[in-house]
N, C-alpha and C. Protein backbone atom coordinates (compact mmCIF):
# COMPACT_ATOMS: atom_id res chain seq x y z
N UNK A 1 19.94 30.78 32.65
CA UNK A 1 19.33 29.47 32.51
C UNK A 1 18.87 29.29 31.07
N UNK A 2 18.90 28.05 30.63
CA UNK A 2 18.50 27.74 29.26
C UNK A 2 17.41 26.68 29.24
N UNK A 3 16.71 26.63 28.11
CA UNK A 3 15.70 25.61 27.88
C UNK A 3 16.03 24.93 26.56
N UNK A 4 15.98 23.60 26.55
CA UNK A 4 16.21 22.81 25.35
C UNK A 4 14.86 22.28 24.87
N UNK A 5 14.54 22.52 23.61
CA UNK A 5 13.31 22.00 23.01
C UNK A 5 13.69 21.12 21.83
N UNK A 6 13.16 19.88 21.82
CA UNK A 6 13.52 18.89 20.82
C UNK A 6 12.24 18.38 20.14
N UNK A 7 12.23 18.34 18.82
CA UNK A 7 11.14 17.76 18.05
C UNK A 7 11.46 16.28 17.83
N UNK A 8 10.50 15.40 18.14
CA UNK A 8 10.75 13.97 18.00
C UNK A 8 9.84 13.37 16.93
N UNK A 9 10.27 12.23 16.40
CA UNK A 9 9.45 11.50 15.43
C UNK A 9 8.84 10.29 16.13
N UNK A 10 7.83 9.75 15.54
CA UNK A 10 7.20 8.55 16.09
C UNK A 10 6.42 8.82 17.35
N UNK A 11 5.95 10.05 17.53
CA UNK A 11 5.17 10.38 18.72
C UNK A 11 3.81 9.71 18.64
N UNK A 12 3.35 9.23 19.77
CA UNK A 12 2.06 8.56 19.82
C UNK A 12 0.99 9.52 20.32
N UNK A 13 -0.24 9.25 19.93
CA UNK A 13 -1.35 10.05 20.42
C UNK A 13 -1.63 9.65 21.87
N UNK A 14 -1.98 10.63 22.68
CA UNK A 14 -2.27 10.41 24.08
C UNK A 14 -3.62 11.02 24.39
N UNK A 15 -4.41 10.36 25.21
CA UNK A 15 -5.70 10.90 25.63
C UNK A 15 -5.53 11.65 26.94
N UNK A 16 -6.12 12.84 27.00
CA UNK A 16 -6.10 13.61 28.24
C UNK A 16 -7.53 14.00 28.59
N UNK A 17 -7.78 14.19 29.87
CA UNK A 17 -9.09 14.61 30.34
C UNK A 17 -9.12 16.13 30.32
N UNK A 18 -10.10 16.69 29.59
CA UNK A 18 -10.18 18.14 29.47
C UNK A 18 -11.29 18.75 30.32
N UNK A 19 -12.12 17.91 30.91
CA UNK A 19 -13.21 18.42 31.74
C UNK A 19 -14.21 17.32 32.04
N UNK A 20 -15.37 17.71 32.51
CA UNK A 20 -16.44 16.75 32.80
C UNK A 20 -17.74 17.27 32.22
N UNK A 21 -18.67 16.35 32.00
CA UNK A 21 -20.01 16.74 31.59
C UNK A 21 -21.01 15.87 32.32
N UNK A 22 -22.19 16.42 32.53
CA UNK A 22 -23.23 15.70 33.25
C UNK A 22 -24.26 15.20 32.24
N UNK A 23 -24.58 13.91 32.35
CA UNK A 23 -25.54 13.27 31.45
C UNK A 23 -26.65 12.67 32.31
N UNK A 24 -27.88 12.77 31.80
CA UNK A 24 -29.00 12.19 32.52
C UNK A 24 -29.44 10.91 31.85
N UNK A 25 -29.40 9.81 32.61
CA UNK A 25 -29.84 8.51 32.09
C UNK A 25 -30.89 7.92 33.03
N UNK A 26 -32.04 7.61 32.49
CA UNK A 26 -33.13 6.99 33.24
C UNK A 26 -33.43 7.75 34.53
N UNK A 27 -33.43 9.06 34.43
CA UNK A 27 -33.77 9.88 35.58
C UNK A 27 -32.63 10.11 36.55
N UNK A 28 -31.47 9.54 36.30
CA UNK A 28 -30.32 9.73 37.19
C UNK A 28 -29.25 10.55 36.48
N UNK A 29 -28.60 11.40 37.25
CA UNK A 29 -27.49 12.20 36.69
C UNK A 29 -26.20 11.44 36.83
N UNK A 30 -25.40 11.53 35.79
CA UNK A 30 -24.13 10.82 35.76
C UNK A 30 -23.06 11.80 35.25
N UNK A 31 -21.89 11.81 35.90
CA UNK A 31 -20.81 12.68 35.47
C UNK A 31 -19.80 11.86 34.67
N UNK A 32 -19.49 12.33 33.46
CA UNK A 32 -18.54 11.65 32.59
C UNK A 32 -17.35 12.57 32.31
N UNK A 33 -16.18 11.97 32.18
CA UNK A 33 -14.99 12.73 31.79
C UNK A 33 -15.02 13.01 30.30
N UNK A 34 -14.63 14.22 29.93
CA UNK A 34 -14.50 14.60 28.52
C UNK A 34 -13.01 14.49 28.18
N UNK A 35 -12.69 13.69 27.17
CA UNK A 35 -11.29 13.48 26.79
C UNK A 35 -11.06 13.93 25.36
N UNK A 36 -9.80 14.20 25.05
CA UNK A 36 -9.43 14.46 23.67
C UNK A 36 -8.04 13.89 23.44
N UNK A 37 -7.75 13.56 22.20
CA UNK A 37 -6.45 13.00 21.85
C UNK A 37 -5.52 14.13 21.43
N UNK A 38 -4.29 14.08 21.96
CA UNK A 38 -3.29 15.06 21.58
C UNK A 38 -2.05 14.33 21.10
N UNK A 39 -1.26 15.01 20.30
CA UNK A 39 -0.01 14.47 19.79
C UNK A 39 1.13 15.25 20.44
N UNK A 40 1.92 14.56 21.25
CA UNK A 40 3.03 15.20 21.94
C UNK A 40 4.29 14.90 21.13
N UNK A 41 4.72 15.86 20.30
CA UNK A 41 5.87 15.63 19.44
C UNK A 41 7.04 16.56 19.74
N UNK A 42 6.97 17.26 20.88
CA UNK A 42 8.11 18.06 21.33
C UNK A 42 8.38 17.76 22.80
N UNK A 43 9.64 17.80 23.16
CA UNK A 43 10.06 17.62 24.55
C UNK A 43 10.85 18.86 24.95
N UNK A 44 10.65 19.34 26.15
CA UNK A 44 11.40 20.49 26.65
C UNK A 44 12.07 20.13 27.97
N UNK A 45 13.31 20.56 28.11
CA UNK A 45 14.05 20.41 29.35
C UNK A 45 14.40 21.82 29.80
N UNK A 46 14.01 22.16 31.03
CA UNK A 46 14.20 23.52 31.51
C UNK A 46 15.30 23.59 32.56
N UNK A 47 15.70 24.80 32.88
CA UNK A 47 16.67 25.11 33.93
C UNK A 47 18.04 24.48 33.72
N UNK A 48 18.52 24.52 32.49
CA UNK A 48 19.87 24.04 32.20
C UNK A 48 20.84 25.20 32.36
N UNK A 49 21.92 24.99 33.10
CA UNK A 49 22.81 26.09 33.46
C UNK A 49 23.84 26.42 32.40
N UNK A 50 24.36 25.43 31.69
CA UNK A 50 25.42 25.71 30.71
C UNK A 50 25.33 24.74 29.54
N UNK A 51 26.24 24.92 28.59
CA UNK A 51 26.24 24.11 27.38
C UNK A 51 26.46 22.63 27.68
N UNK A 52 27.23 22.35 28.69
CA UNK A 52 27.50 20.95 29.07
C UNK A 52 26.21 20.25 29.50
N UNK A 53 25.38 20.94 30.28
CA UNK A 53 24.10 20.36 30.69
C UNK A 53 23.16 20.20 29.50
N UNK A 54 23.20 21.14 28.57
CA UNK A 54 22.37 21.05 27.36
C UNK A 54 22.75 19.81 26.57
N UNK A 55 24.06 19.60 26.36
CA UNK A 55 24.53 18.43 25.62
C UNK A 55 24.17 17.13 26.33
N UNK A 56 24.27 17.12 27.65
CA UNK A 56 23.92 15.94 28.43
C UNK A 56 22.43 15.61 28.27
N UNK A 57 21.57 16.62 28.37
CA UNK A 57 20.13 16.42 28.20
C UNK A 57 19.81 15.96 26.79
N UNK A 58 20.49 16.52 25.79
CA UNK A 58 20.27 16.14 24.40
C UNK A 58 20.67 14.69 24.17
N UNK A 59 21.80 14.26 24.74
CA UNK A 59 22.22 12.86 24.60
C UNK A 59 21.25 11.91 25.28
N UNK A 60 20.69 12.31 26.40
CA UNK A 60 19.71 11.48 27.09
C UNK A 60 18.44 11.33 26.25
N UNK A 61 18.01 12.42 25.63
CA UNK A 61 16.82 12.36 24.75
C UNK A 61 17.12 11.50 23.54
N UNK A 62 18.33 11.63 22.97
CA UNK A 62 18.71 10.80 21.81
C UNK A 62 18.67 9.32 22.15
N UNK A 63 19.00 8.95 23.38
CA UNK A 63 19.02 7.54 23.75
C UNK A 63 17.62 6.95 23.87
N UNK A 64 16.61 7.80 24.13
CA UNK A 64 15.25 7.31 24.33
C UNK A 64 14.32 7.57 23.14
N UNK A 65 14.62 8.60 22.33
CA UNK A 65 13.73 9.01 21.24
C UNK A 65 14.54 9.24 19.97
N UNK A 66 13.82 9.36 18.86
CA UNK A 66 14.43 9.73 17.59
C UNK A 66 14.13 11.19 17.32
N UNK A 67 15.17 11.99 17.17
CA UNK A 67 15.00 13.41 16.92
C UNK A 67 14.62 13.60 15.45
N UNK A 68 13.63 14.44 15.21
CA UNK A 68 13.15 14.70 13.85
C UNK A 68 14.24 15.37 13.02
N UNK A 69 14.28 15.02 11.74
CA UNK A 69 15.22 15.60 10.79
C UNK A 69 14.44 16.51 9.83
N UNK A 70 14.93 17.73 9.64
CA UNK A 70 14.27 18.66 8.71
C UNK A 70 14.39 18.12 7.28
N UNK A 71 13.27 18.06 6.58
CA UNK A 71 13.28 17.54 5.21
C UNK A 71 13.71 18.59 4.20
N UNK A 72 13.26 19.81 4.41
CA UNK A 72 13.63 20.92 3.52
C UNK A 72 14.11 22.09 4.37
N UNK A 73 14.82 23.00 3.75
CA UNK A 73 15.27 24.18 4.46
C UNK A 73 14.07 25.09 4.71
N UNK A 74 13.78 25.32 5.99
CA UNK A 74 12.64 26.14 6.35
C UNK A 74 12.89 26.70 7.74
N UNK A 75 12.71 27.99 7.89
CA UNK A 75 12.90 28.61 9.20
C UNK A 75 14.36 28.53 9.64
N UNK A 76 14.58 28.04 10.84
CA UNK A 76 15.93 28.01 11.38
C UNK A 76 16.69 26.74 11.05
N UNK A 77 16.05 25.74 10.47
CA UNK A 77 16.73 24.49 10.15
C UNK A 77 16.99 24.37 8.66
N UNK A 78 18.13 23.81 8.32
CA UNK A 78 18.44 23.47 6.94
C UNK A 78 18.06 22.01 6.73
N UNK A 79 17.82 21.64 5.50
CA UNK A 79 17.45 20.26 5.20
C UNK A 79 18.50 19.29 5.71
N UNK A 80 18.06 18.23 6.41
CA UNK A 80 18.97 17.22 6.93
C UNK A 80 19.45 17.47 8.35
N UNK A 81 19.13 18.61 8.94
CA UNK A 81 19.55 18.90 10.31
C UNK A 81 18.56 18.34 11.32
N UNK A 82 19.08 17.97 12.52
CA UNK A 82 18.21 17.57 13.61
C UNK A 82 17.44 18.80 14.10
N UNK A 83 16.19 18.59 14.47
CA UNK A 83 15.33 19.71 14.85
C UNK A 83 15.30 19.86 16.37
N UNK A 84 16.21 20.68 16.88
CA UNK A 84 16.20 21.05 18.28
C UNK A 84 16.77 22.46 18.41
N UNK A 85 16.45 23.12 19.49
CA UNK A 85 17.00 24.45 19.72
C UNK A 85 17.06 24.74 21.21
N UNK A 86 17.90 25.71 21.56
CA UNK A 86 17.97 26.18 22.95
C UNK A 86 17.53 27.63 22.99
N UNK A 87 16.99 28.02 24.12
CA UNK A 87 16.57 29.41 24.30
C UNK A 87 16.85 29.81 25.72
N UNK A 88 16.93 31.10 25.95
CA UNK A 88 17.14 31.63 27.29
C UNK A 88 15.81 31.69 28.01
N UNK A 89 15.85 31.41 29.30
CA UNK A 89 14.64 31.53 30.11
C UNK A 89 14.98 32.28 31.39
N UNK A 90 13.99 32.89 31.97
CA UNK A 90 14.18 33.63 33.23
C UNK A 90 14.01 32.73 34.41
C-alpha cells in the first residue's frame, strides 16, 4: 500500500477546538471552547494499491487545488518541480 502526500498553495487558516476552559462570571461557572488557528497546507491520500491509483488521486487533487512548486532546489525537490511524494505504508 502507498500513501500520496501533496503540498498545496493558497491554503486557508482553519480554526479547531483544542479543549475547554472554565471561566467564572458573576458567581456562575461557564465552560468555553479553546480554539487555535492552523494552516492545512498538505493533503494525504492513504491506502493506494498501485501507481495507477496514485496518478488518479493526484489528478483529482490537481483538479481541486494548486500543487506547490519548489522555488529552489532543496531536499528531494528541484527548483520548478511540483511538491508531492509517495511513500510505503503498512
